[in-house]
Every structure is written in C-alpha cells, then in structure tokens.
Amino acid sequence: MAVSSKPDQYISALTGLRAIAAYLVFLHHDTPASPGTIAHHVFDQGYIGVTVFFVLSGFLIYHRYADAYFRQENWSWQRYLQNRFARIYPLYALLLLITVGVATWRGNPMSLSVFSLNITLLKGLFNAYKFSGIAQSWSLTVEICFYLMAPLLFLLLRRWGPLWLTVGLVSGGILLWTTIGQLAFYGLFSPLSFIFFYTFFGRGFEFVMGMWLAQRWHQNRLPGVPYPTLAGLIILLGCVGWQAGLSHFTIDPVQGIWSEILTYNILLPIGIGFFFTGLITQPSVAGRLLSHPLMQILGRSSYAFYLIHTGLLSNVLQKAGVTHSGLRFILLTVAAYLLYYLIESPLQRLLRAD
C-alpha cells in the first residue's frame, strides 16, 4: 500500500468548525427565541453540533492514526491511548470535581456509585445517569467507546466498507438492547431510543462517515461532487428545517423518533460529509472564514466551552444577574479561552506521550 503524505497535514478550517459546533449546542440549551415559535424550534435543533463533533472525530482519528496503525510503524497502543486520555480527560475530571464539590457544599451530594460512573465516564451507558454530573458529558462516553474501538474500525472499514460497518455497529447496539438492556438495570443499554441517540452503536454512522472521508482523502479518491460545500449546507439546512417544522406541527413521539433517526443519524452525517469534502478540497468563503485566526482561537477552546456552556458556571452567571443569553455566551467564551490556555493546554502538554 502506498504511504499517504496526508497524516501530518493540518486542516485549519476544521478547527474553526469545532467552535461552530460547540456554539450550536449552546443555542440548543440556551435558545434565545420564545417557546412555541418556529424560531425556538430552529434554535432547539442546535444539538446537531454533537453530530458535527462525531463526524469530525471520526475524520481526525483516522487521518492521524490509521496509516501508522496499518504500517505498524511509529504505532503504540500505549501512546495512542495516553494521547487520547490527555485530550479529553484532565479538564473534564477537574470540572467534574468542582461541580460535585459545589453540589456537596450546597447540601446535594452525589452518591459514590453515581460519582464513580461519572469519573470513569461510564455514565453514558446508563439511561438513568446519562445527564448526571456534567450533563453534556454523555457524549464523552460515546467518544471513549470510539477511541477504544478505532483501530479495529480502521480494519473493518477497509474490509467491509462504510455501509456494512454501520450495519454491524447498529446491529451490535440492538443486540445489547435485546440482552443486557432487558435486565432493566438503571437503563443500561435500554431503551432502544437510548441506544440510537446516546450510544456509540446508534451514533456509529457519524464516526464511520468521518473515517470513510479521511480514508478516501488519503487515497485521493474523494467523491467528485460539484460545489460540495454548498451541497452540504443545503442538506444540513434541509435536515434542520424538516425537524424544526416537525417538532412545531406534530406531537406524535413515535413519528418524531423515527424521523430523527432518519434525518439526524443518517442524512445529516452525509450532509456534513459533503461540507467537509468542500473544506478540504476546494477554496471557499466558508473555508476562509473558518480558517481565520480568531476562529482558530475559538476552535481550540471549543472543548472547554462545550463543558461549561451549561451547568455550574452558566447557572452562577444567571444567578449573578447575567440573564441575557448573548452576554452569557460572551462571558462563557472568555472563560473557555482562559480554561484552555491556562489549564487544558498545559495539562495536555504534560500528559501527552509525544
């Protein structure tokens, strides 16, 4: 197999995109529009930022590690896992300890068992506890599952292709639901909707899409789609518009669940894939904006922003009188910047294996 020259290539637009993804999730949790309005339902769809994160994670992990793993040159499981640990765990653990400490001081301590699930990031496997601690960190459980399985997924993607790999992951999730999920143990792998929306197996296509794009890019075989950035935006806006309209005009929960699976678990990752293709292959206004130095700063601090955008600090700001969501957004962005440059980045450099 020919050695790709791309693993060391830095794609600045994708760093800027991380900031946009985090800010979309902020809009979901802190919607500025009045409840019941179309605008409210549109802003409420901001949780698609998590899908952007998952596709991006699949792309970047394959981009950085797949060639080394296949060649078994400069590959080390210890180094890989240590670097992944250094990337997401230190800041999370620090913020979790502060969150639990403040809750305990206020007379609402977290039980040892729930704390154990949170500190180990196993909480995202349990429907009953997925929003405990730092609520949005359920997605870190999904990321951890991907990190642990990624080298195997590199091989399966090559052998099975993206379609059958996705079928295999979803089938694995359904198998867990029909077996372990039936124990009714605090929502461990249950119900089925939890599997599709909150576990790696149900969200697997998002990671597979990212990996497949990176694989095709390394092989110089990306799909030849005219105006891929525009095509991706059209699909993304169409998905958001459909789901916002559906949530505004219907209250049928079954219809809503299946529509969301089709729209956000399948169609949206495809749209994001088109958008990524445009960013890495063609010059565009979007690419230039996302590559701007300011967006690079915001993108690097986006993980810190994601962890603090709702929860303890946001609540403190509201109780201090910062009720305007725009002002709260600015203050949280500044706080995330400080967390990244004073805590997150130094800890990463200290703990990384290279």
Protein backbone atom coordinates (compact mmCIF):
# COMPACT_ATOMS: atom_id res chain seq x y z
CA MET A 1 0.00 0.00 0.00
CA ALA A 2 1.30 3.43 -0.87
CA VAL A 3 2.19 5.61 2.09
CA SER A 4 -0.06 8.65 2.40
CA SER A 5 1.58 12.03 2.82
CA LYS A 6 -1.54 13.48 4.44
CA PRO A 7 -1.47 12.40 8.13
CA ASP A 8 0.68 15.38 9.13
CA GLN A 9 -1.44 17.87 7.16
CA TYR A 10 -3.26 20.36 9.36
CA ILE A 11 -6.70 21.47 8.18
CA SER A 12 -7.32 24.83 9.81
CA ALA A 13 -10.96 25.10 8.70
CA LEU A 14 -11.86 22.01 10.74
CA THR A 15 -10.52 23.67 13.88
CA GLY A 16 -12.78 26.66 13.26
CA LEU A 17 -15.68 24.30 12.64
CA ARG A 18 -15.27 22.90 16.16
CA ALA A 19 -16.21 26.32 17.54
CA ILE A 20 -19.34 26.48 15.37
CA ALA A 21 -20.37 23.01 16.55
CA ALA A 22 -19.98 24.00 20.21
CA TYR A 23 -21.95 27.21 19.69
CA LEU A 24 -24.78 25.29 18.02
CA VAL A 25 -25.09 23.14 21.14
CA PHE A 26 -25.17 26.33 23.23
CA LEU A 27 -28.16 27.52 21.16
CA HIS A 28 -29.92 24.24 21.88
CA HIS A 29 -29.51 24.67 25.64
CA ASP A 30 -29.91 28.45 25.75
CA THR A 31 -32.41 29.17 22.99
CA PRO A 32 -32.93 32.95 22.63
CA ALA A 33 -36.35 32.67 20.94
CA SER A 34 -39.70 32.48 22.74
CA PRO A 35 -41.04 28.96 23.42
CA GLY A 36 -43.56 27.68 20.90
CA THR A 37 -42.29 29.78 18.00
CA ILE A 38 -40.75 28.45 14.81
CA ALA A 39 -37.50 30.25 15.72
CA HIS A 40 -37.42 28.41 19.04
CA HIS A 41 -37.76 25.06 17.29
CA VAL A 42 -34.98 26.00 14.83
CA PHE A 43 -32.57 27.04 17.59
CA ASP A 44 -33.53 23.92 19.53
CA GLN A 45 -32.01 21.84 16.72
CA GLY A 46 -28.58 23.12 17.78
CA TYR A 47 -27.75 19.73 19.24
CA ILE A 48 -26.71 18.80 15.70
CA GLY A 49 -23.40 20.30 16.82
CA VAL A 50 -22.76 16.97 18.56
CA THR A 51 -23.13 15.22 15.19
CA VAL A 52 -20.56 17.61 13.71
CA PHE A 53 -18.20 16.71 16.57
CA PHE A 54 -18.67 12.97 15.98
CA VAL A 55 -18.08 13.15 12.21
CA LEU A 56 -15.07 15.38 12.85
CA SER A 57 -13.71 12.95 15.43
CA GLY A 58 -14.01 10.02 13.02
CA PHE A 59 -12.22 12.02 10.32
CA LEU A 60 -9.38 13.26 12.51
CA ILE A 61 -8.68 9.97 14.32
CA TYR A 62 -8.43 8.12 11.00
CA HIS A 63 -6.43 10.98 9.49
CA ARG A 64 -3.89 10.99 12.32
CA TYR A 65 -3.56 7.33 13.21
CA ALA A 66 -4.77 4.94 10.50
CA ASP A 67 -1.66 4.93 8.30
CA ALA A 68 0.63 4.37 11.28
CA TYR A 69 -1.61 1.55 12.51
CA PHE A 70 -1.74 -0.19 9.13
CA ARG A 71 2.03 0.06 8.64
CA GLN A 72 2.75 -0.70 12.31
CA GLU A 73 5.44 1.96 12.11
CA ASN A 74 5.55 4.51 14.91
CA TRP A 75 2.41 2.90 16.32
CA SER A 76 1.97 2.22 20.02
CA TRP A 77 -1.27 1.40 21.79
CA GLN A 78 0.12 2.97 24.96
CA ARG A 79 0.99 6.22 23.19
CA TYR A 80 -2.31 6.32 21.32
CA LEU A 81 -4.43 5.80 24.44
CA GLN A 82 -2.32 8.17 26.52
CA ASN A 83 -2.73 10.93 23.96
CA ARG A 84 -6.48 10.38 23.75
CA PHE A 85 -6.67 10.43 27.56
CA ALA A 86 -4.70 13.68 27.68
CA ARG A 87 -7.01 15.19 25.08
CA ILE A 88 -10.34 14.89 26.89
CA TYR A 89 -9.97 13.63 30.46
CA PRO A 90 -7.96 16.12 32.59
CA LEU A 91 -10.19 19.16 32.06
CA TYR A 92 -13.32 17.05 32.35
CA ALA A 93 -12.17 15.50 35.64
CA LEU A 94 -11.27 18.91 37.08
CA LEU A 95 -14.64 20.44 36.16
CA LEU A 96 -16.50 17.38 37.43
CA LEU A 97 -14.75 17.58 40.81
CA ILE A 98 -15.64 21.28 41.06
CA THR A 99 -19.25 20.57 40.08
CA VAL A 100 -19.61 17.75 42.62
CA GLY A 101 -17.82 19.77 45.28
CA VAL A 102 -20.16 22.75 44.89
CA ALA A 103 -23.21 20.46 44.88
CA THR A 104 -21.99 18.82 48.10
CA TRP A 105 -21.37 22.23 49.72
CA ARG A 106 -24.92 23.20 48.82
CA GLY A 107 -26.27 20.11 50.53
CA ASN A 108 -26.88 18.00 47.43
CA PRO A 109 -24.05 15.46 47.42
CA MET A 110 -23.64 12.92 44.64
CA SER A 111 -23.70 9.29 45.71
CA LEU A 112 -20.46 7.36 45.47
CA SER A 113 -21.89 5.00 42.85
CA VAL A 114 -23.06 7.84 40.58
CA PHE A 115 -19.77 9.68 41.11
CA SER A 116 -17.91 6.51 40.09
CA LEU A 117 -19.91 6.32 36.87
CA ASN A 118 -19.15 9.97 36.16
CA ILE A 119 -15.44 9.97 36.94
CA THR A 120 -14.94 6.85 34.80
CA LEU A 121 -17.20 8.20 32.04
CA LEU A 122 -19.29 5.03 32.20
CA LYS A 123 -22.37 7.11 32.95
CA GLY A 124 -23.24 7.43 29.28
CA LEU A 125 -24.02 3.71 29.12
CA PHE A 126 -26.92 4.18 31.55
CA ASN A 127 -30.07 5.99 30.50
CA ALA A 128 -30.81 6.87 34.13
CA TYR A 129 -27.46 8.60 34.66
CA LYS A 130 -26.53 9.98 31.26
CA PHE A 131 -27.26 13.58 32.32
CA SER A 132 -25.79 13.33 35.83
CA GLY A 133 -22.75 15.39 36.80
CA ILE A 134 -21.79 17.49 33.78
CA ALA A 135 -24.90 16.73 31.74
CA GLN A 136 -23.39 17.15 28.26
CA SER A 137 -20.52 14.78 29.05
CA TRP A 138 -22.67 11.83 27.96
CA SER A 139 -21.08 12.45 24.57
CA LEU A 140 -17.63 11.81 26.05
CA THR A 141 -18.71 8.24 26.78
CA VAL A 142 -19.51 7.90 23.08
CA GLU A 143 -16.07 9.35 22.22
CA ILE A 144 -14.29 6.98 24.61
CA CYS A 145 -16.04 4.00 23.00
CA PHE A 146 -14.87 5.21 19.60
CA TYR A 147 -11.29 5.74 20.78
CA LEU A 148 -11.11 2.21 22.17
CA MET A 149 -12.56 0.66 19.03
CA ALA A 150 -10.97 2.92 16.40
CA PRO A 151 -8.03 0.69 15.33
CA LEU A 152 -10.41 -2.25 14.86
CA LEU A 153 -12.77 0.03 12.94
CA PHE A 154 -9.90 1.06 10.64
CA LEU A 155 -9.58 -2.59 9.61
CA LEU A 156 -13.31 -3.22 9.33
CA LEU A 157 -13.81 -0.11 7.23
CA ARG A 158 -11.22 -1.40 4.77
CA ARG A 159 -12.75 -4.88 4.65
CA TRP A 160 -16.47 -4.16 4.90
CA GLY A 161 -16.86 -0.60 3.64
CA PRO A 162 -18.92 2.12 5.36
CA LEU A 163 -22.36 0.59 4.79
CA TRP A 164 -21.74 -2.82 6.31
CA LEU A 165 -19.60 -1.38 9.09
CA THR A 166 -22.53 0.84 10.06
CA VAL A 167 -24.94 -2.10 9.86
CA GLY A 168 -22.58 -4.07 12.11
CA LEU A 169 -22.41 -1.30 14.72
CA VAL A 170 -26.17 -0.74 14.78
CA SER A 171 -26.74 -4.50 14.99
CA GLY A 172 -24.35 -4.63 17.92
CA GLY A 173 -26.35 -1.93 19.68
CA ILE A 174 -29.62 -3.75 19.07
CA LEU A 175 -28.05 -6.97 20.39
CA LEU A 176 -27.00 -5.16 23.58
CA TRP A 177 -30.55 -3.85 23.97
CA THR A 178 -32.15 -7.29 23.46
CA THR A 179 -29.77 -8.90 26.00
CA ILE A 180 -28.25 -6.62 28.65
CA GLY A 181 -30.91 -3.97 28.10
CA GLN A 182 -33.64 -6.36 29.20
CA LEU A 183 -32.15 -6.56 32.70
CA ALA A 184 -33.74 -3.15 33.39
CA PHE A 185 -30.65 -2.10 35.36
CA TYR A 186 -30.85 1.71 35.54
CA GLY A 187 -31.28 1.94 31.78
CA LEU A 188 -28.05 0.10 30.93
CA PHE A 189 -28.31 -0.17 27.12
CA SER A 190 -32.04 0.50 27.32
CA PRO A 191 -34.49 1.60 25.92
CA LEU A 192 -33.92 1.24 22.18
CA SER A 193 -34.27 5.01 21.64
CA PHE A 194 -31.39 5.47 24.11
CA ILE A 195 -29.25 3.12 22.01
CA PHE A 196 -29.89 5.16 18.86
CA PHE A 197 -29.45 8.63 20.32
CA TYR A 198 -26.92 8.31 23.15
CA THR A 199 -24.57 5.37 22.49
CA PHE A 200 -21.70 4.82 20.12
CA PHE A 201 -23.53 1.97 18.41
CA GLY A 202 -26.51 4.10 17.50
CA ARG A 203 -24.34 7.07 16.52
CA GLY A 204 -21.78 4.92 14.73
CA PHE A 205 -22.56 6.15 11.20
CA GLU A 206 -21.38 9.63 12.19
CA PHE A 207 -17.92 8.31 13.06
CA VAL A 208 -17.91 5.95 10.07
CA MET A 209 -18.70 8.85 7.74
CA GLY A 210 -15.74 10.80 9.10
CA MET A 211 -13.40 7.82 8.83
CA TRP A 212 -14.55 7.00 5.31
CA LEU A 213 -13.93 10.57 4.17
CA ALA A 214 -10.43 10.52 5.63
CA GLN A 215 -9.76 7.15 4.01
CA ARG A 216 -10.88 8.38 0.58
CA TRP A 217 -8.93 11.59 1.02
CA HIS A 218 -5.75 9.68 1.81
CA GLN A 219 -6.36 7.60 -1.30
CA ASN A 220 -7.08 10.72 -3.41
CA ARG A 221 -10.50 9.23 -4.18
CA LEU A 222 -12.94 11.68 -2.64
CA PRO A 223 -16.33 11.79 -4.41
CA GLY A 224 -16.31 14.24 -7.30
CA VAL A 225 -19.32 16.31 -6.26
CA PRO A 226 -19.71 19.80 -7.76
CA TYR A 227 -19.93 22.52 -5.11
CA PRO A 228 -19.69 20.09 -2.16
CA THR A 229 -19.64 22.85 0.47
CA LEU A 230 -22.90 24.28 -0.84
CA ALA A 231 -24.42 20.81 -1.21
CA GLY A 232 -23.53 20.04 2.39
CA LEU A 233 -25.08 23.27 3.65
CA ILE A 234 -28.29 22.62 1.69
CA ILE A 235 -28.62 19.12 3.19
CA LEU A 236 -27.83 20.45 6.68
CA LEU A 237 -30.39 23.26 6.42
CA GLY A 238 -32.94 20.86 4.97
CA CYS A 239 -32.49 18.47 7.90
CA VAL A 240 -32.82 21.27 10.44
CA GLY A 241 -35.82 22.76 8.67
CA TRP A 242 -37.60 19.43 8.49
CA GLN A 243 -37.02 18.54 12.14
CA ALA A 244 -37.90 22.06 13.35
CA GLY A 245 -41.12 22.00 11.33
CA LEU A 246 -42.00 18.51 12.52
CA SER A 247 -41.48 19.44 16.18
CA HIS A 248 -43.64 22.54 15.68
CA PHE A 249 -46.54 20.89 13.91
CA THR A 250 -46.72 17.40 15.45
CA ILE A 251 -46.56 15.91 18.92
CA ASP A 252 -46.52 12.25 17.88
CA PRO A 253 -43.47 10.88 19.78
CA VAL A 254 -43.10 7.74 17.65
CA GLN A 255 -43.14 9.75 14.43
CA GLY A 256 -40.62 12.14 15.97
CA ILE A 257 -38.21 9.38 16.99
CA TRP A 258 -38.12 7.66 13.61
CA SER A 259 -37.89 10.95 11.76
CA GLU A 260 -34.94 11.97 13.91
CA ILE A 261 -33.15 8.67 13.32
CA LEU A 262 -33.55 9.03 9.54
CA THR A 263 -32.81 12.75 9.44
CA TYR A 264 -30.06 13.22 12.01
CA ASN A 265 -28.48 9.76 12.30
CA ILE A 266 -28.30 9.16 8.53
CA LEU A 267 -28.96 12.18 6.29
CA LEU A 268 -27.21 14.81 8.42
CA PRO A 269 -23.83 13.00 8.56
CA ILE A 270 -23.96 12.72 4.76
CA GLY A 271 -24.51 16.47 4.51
CA ILE A 272 -21.66 17.13 6.93
CA GLY A 273 -19.52 14.81 4.83
CA PHE A 274 -20.18 16.89 1.71
CA PHE A 275 -19.34 20.04 3.69
CA PHE A 276 -16.06 18.51 4.91
CA THR A 277 -15.20 17.47 1.37
CA GLY A 278 -15.55 21.05 0.22
CA LEU A 279 -13.45 22.39 3.10
CA ILE A 280 -10.52 20.07 2.41
CA THR A 281 -10.55 20.12 -1.38
CA GLN A 282 -11.80 23.49 -2.61
CA PRO A 283 -11.29 27.12 -1.62
CA SER A 284 -14.49 28.69 -0.36
CA VAL A 285 -15.81 31.57 1.68
CA ALA A 286 -16.72 29.13 4.45
CA GLY A 287 -13.22 27.69 4.47
CA ARG A 288 -11.61 31.13 4.66
CA LEU A 289 -13.90 32.22 7.50
CA LEU A 290 -13.31 29.04 9.49
CA SER A 291 -9.55 29.36 8.97
CA HIS A 292 -9.45 32.92 10.30
CA PRO A 293 -7.06 33.34 13.27
CA LEU A 294 -9.95 34.25 15.56
CA MET A 295 -11.78 31.05 14.63
CA GLN A 296 -8.60 29.08 15.35
CA ILE A 297 -8.52 30.51 18.87
CA LEU A 298 -12.21 29.78 19.38
CA GLY A 299 -11.87 26.31 17.90
CA ARG A 300 -9.02 25.35 20.20
CA SER A 301 -11.02 26.44 23.23
CA SER A 302 -14.26 24.85 21.98
CA TYR A 303 -13.92 21.73 24.13
CA ALA A 304 -13.70 23.86 27.27
CA PHE A 305 -16.69 25.88 26.05
CA TYR A 306 -18.66 22.69 25.44
CA LEU A 307 -18.01 21.51 29.00
CA ILE A 308 -19.04 24.80 30.65
CA HIS A 309 -21.73 26.19 28.32
CA THR A 310 -24.46 24.74 30.52
CA GLY A 311 -24.22 23.68 34.12
CA LEU A 312 -22.44 25.19 37.11
CA LEU A 313 -20.80 28.29 35.60
CA SER A 314 -23.80 29.14 33.44
CA ASN A 315 -26.07 28.86 36.50
CA VAL A 316 -23.74 31.06 38.54
CA LEU A 317 -23.85 33.73 35.83
CA GLN A 318 -27.63 33.64 35.71
CA LYS A 319 -27.90 33.95 39.48
CA ALA A 320 -25.45 36.87 39.31
CA GLY A 321 -27.91 38.68 37.06
CA VAL A 322 -26.50 37.79 33.63
CA THR A 323 -29.86 36.83 32.18
CA HIS A 324 -29.22 37.87 28.59
CA SER A 325 -28.10 34.80 26.64
CA GLY A 326 -25.86 36.85 24.35
CA LEU A 327 -23.88 38.34 27.24
CA ARG A 328 -23.71 34.95 28.92
CA PHE A 329 -22.35 33.49 25.66
CA ILE A 330 -19.58 36.10 25.55
CA LEU A 331 -18.59 35.53 29.18
CA LEU A 332 -18.58 31.76 28.73
CA THR A 333 -16.44 32.13 25.58
CA VAL A 334 -13.90 34.20 27.53
CA ALA A 335 -13.95 31.68 30.38
CA ALA A 336 -13.39 28.82 27.91
CA TYR A 337 -10.43 30.68 26.39
CA LEU A 338 -8.86 31.08 29.84
CA LEU A 339 -9.52 27.45 30.74
CA TYR A 340 -7.88 26.28 27.55
CA TYR A 341 -4.75 28.38 27.72
CA LEU A 342 -4.23 28.23 31.49
CA ILE A 343 -5.33 24.67 32.29
CA GLU A 344 -6.34 22.43 29.37
CA SER A 345 -3.41 23.07 27.04
CA PRO A 346 -0.67 22.89 29.75
CA LEU A 347 -2.14 19.63 31.08
CA GLN A 348 -2.24 18.18 27.57
CA ARG A 349 1.42 19.01 27.01
CA LEU A 350 2.30 17.50 30.37
CA LEU A 351 0.40 14.25 29.87
CA ARG A 352 0.82 13.55 26.15
CA ALA A 353 3.22 10.77 25.17
CA ASP A 354 4.73 12.83 22.32
